[in-house]
């Protein structure tokens, strides 16, 4: 996954875990497991004990899965 730290800011929302599970249809544990394996975007800290995901990175991950399904 591309790191957003190296790219210029773009308009995107921060998604919390429940929004991510609703968007991709995976369980929380699957999302964290795939993230630890480098197969899903990693969350970033947005507060003392809160993390979030970049919506654009999640959308790109979905796009990549769709491309893989057609090849």
C-alpha atoms as a PDB file:
ATOM      1  CA  UNK A   1       0.000   0.000   0.000  1.00  0.00           C
ATOM      2  CA  UNK A   2       1.208   3.477  -0.772  1.00  0.00           C
ATOM      3  CA  UNK A   3       2.078   5.619   2.204  1.00  0.00           C
ATOM      4  CA  UNK A   4       0.116   8.836   2.381  1.00  0.00           C
ATOM      5  CA  UNK A   5       2.981  10.414   4.363  1.00  0.00           C
ATOM      6  CA  UNK A   6       5.023  10.725   1.142  1.00  0.00           C
ATOM      7  CA  UNK A   7       2.228  12.124  -1.013  1.00  0.00           C
ATOM      8  CA  UNK A   8       0.640  15.571  -0.933  1.00  0.00           C
ATOM      9  CA  UNK A   9      -2.528  16.014   1.111  1.00  0.00           C
ATOM     10  CA  UNK A  10      -5.764  15.271  -0.690  1.00  0.00           C
ATOM     11  CA  UNK A  11      -9.357  15.610   0.337  1.00  0.00           C
ATOM     12  CA  UNK A  12     -10.263  12.465   2.223  1.00  0.00           C
ATOM     13  CA  UNK A  13     -12.193  11.430   5.295  1.00  0.00           C
ATOM     14  CA  UNK A  14     -10.880   9.497   8.255  1.00  0.00           C
ATOM     15  CA  UNK A  15     -12.851   6.303   8.805  1.00  0.00           C
ATOM     16  CA  UNK A  16     -13.180   4.551  12.145  1.00  0.00           C
ATOM     17  CA  UNK A  17     -13.165   0.749  12.401  1.00  0.00           C
ATOM     18  CA  UNK A  18     -16.957   0.348  12.239  1.00  0.00           C
ATOM     19  CA  UNK A  19     -17.061   2.414   9.046  1.00  0.00           C
ATOM     20  CA  UNK A  20     -14.224   0.352   7.580  1.00  0.00           C
ATOM     21  CA  UNK A  21     -15.966  -2.953   8.378  1.00  0.00           C
ATOM     22  CA  UNK A  22     -19.192  -1.649   6.819  1.00  0.00           C
ATOM     23  CA  UNK A  23     -17.323  -0.439   3.730  1.00  0.00           C
ATOM     24  CA  UNK A  24     -15.268  -3.559   2.987  1.00  0.00           C
ATOM     25  CA  UNK A  25     -17.459  -6.276   4.496  1.00  0.00           C
ATOM     26  CA  UNK A  26     -14.693  -7.805   6.606  1.00  0.00           C
ATOM     27  CA  UNK A  27     -14.609  -8.367  10.352  1.00  0.00           C
ATOM     28  CA  UNK A  28     -12.497  -6.204  12.640  1.00  0.00           C
ATOM     29  CA  UNK A  29     -10.109  -9.084  13.296  1.00  0.00           C
ATOM     30  CA  UNK A  30      -9.698  -9.725   9.551  1.00  0.00           C
ATOM     31  CA  UNK A  31      -8.921  -6.061   8.919  1.00  0.00           C
ATOM     32  CA  UNK A  32      -6.255  -5.972  11.639  1.00  0.00           C
ATOM     33  CA  UNK A  33      -4.808  -9.343  10.554  1.00  0.00           C
ATOM     34  CA  UNK A  34      -4.560  -8.264   6.905  1.00  0.00           C
ATOM     35  CA  UNK A  35      -3.041  -4.950   7.989  1.00  0.00           C
ATOM     36  CA  UNK A  36      -0.368  -6.752  10.021  1.00  0.00           C
ATOM     37  CA  UNK A  37       0.420  -8.866   6.954  1.00  0.00           C
ATOM     38  CA  UNK A  38       0.735  -5.741   4.790  1.00  0.00           C
ATOM     39  CA  UNK A  39      -2.331  -6.707   2.761  1.00  0.00           C
ATOM     40  CA  UNK A  40      -4.637  -3.922   3.971  1.00  0.00           C
ATOM     41  CA  UNK A  41      -4.069  -0.232   4.715  1.00  0.00           C
ATOM     42  CA  UNK A  42      -2.767   0.341   8.224  1.00  0.00           C
ATOM     43  CA  UNK A  43      -4.574   2.673  10.597  1.00  0.00           C
ATOM     44  CA  UNK A  44      -2.982   5.827  11.951  1.00  0.00           C
ATOM     45  CA  UNK A  45      -3.360   7.556  15.306  1.00  0.00           C
ATOM     46  CA  UNK A  46      -5.971  10.297  15.433  1.00  0.00           C
ATOM     47  CA  UNK A  47      -6.077  10.706  19.203  1.00  0.00           C
ATOM     48  CA  UNK A  48      -4.692   9.356  22.438  1.00  0.00           C
ATOM     49  CA  UNK A  49      -6.425   6.002  22.086  1.00  0.00           C
ATOM     50  CA  UNK A  50      -8.138   6.337  18.709  1.00  0.00           C
ATOM     51  CA  UNK A  51      -7.058   5.235  15.249  1.00  0.00           C
ATOM     52  CA  UNK A  52      -8.536   5.791  11.817  1.00  0.00           C
ATOM     53  CA  UNK A  53      -8.065   4.811   8.203  1.00  0.00           C
ATOM     54  CA  UNK A  54      -7.723   7.084   5.196  1.00  0.00           C
ATOM     55  CA  UNK A  55     -10.900   6.669   3.143  1.00  0.00           C
ATOM     56  CA  UNK A  56      -8.989   7.059  -0.134  1.00  0.00           C
ATOM     57  CA  UNK A  57      -6.644   4.206   0.814  1.00  0.00           C
ATOM     58  CA  UNK A  58      -9.627   1.974   1.626  1.00  0.00           C
ATOM     59  CA  UNK A  59     -11.279   2.857  -1.686  1.00  0.00           C
ATOM     60  CA  UNK A  60      -8.053   2.074  -3.545  1.00  0.00           C
ATOM     61  CA  UNK A  61      -7.777  -1.285  -1.738  1.00  0.00           C
ATOM     62  CA  UNK A  62     -11.319  -2.118  -2.925  1.00  0.00           C
ATOM     63  CA  UNK A  63     -10.402  -1.041  -6.466  1.00  0.00           C
ATOM     64  CA  UNK A  64      -7.353  -3.348  -6.420  1.00  0.00           C
ATOM     65  CA  UNK A  65      -9.523  -6.291  -5.272  1.00  0.00           C
ATOM     66  CA  UNK A  66     -11.913  -5.633  -8.172  1.00  0.00           C
ATOM     67  CA  UNK A  67      -9.010  -5.587 -10.646  1.00  0.00           C
ATOM     68  CA  UNK A  68      -7.708  -8.890  -9.262  1.00  0.00           C
ATOM     69  CA  UNK A  69     -11.163 -10.449  -9.671  1.00  0.00           C
ATOM     70  CA  UNK A  70     -11.135  -9.683 -13.397  1.00  0.00           C
ATOM     71  CA  UNK A  71      -7.653 -11.085 -14.081  1.00  0.00           C
END
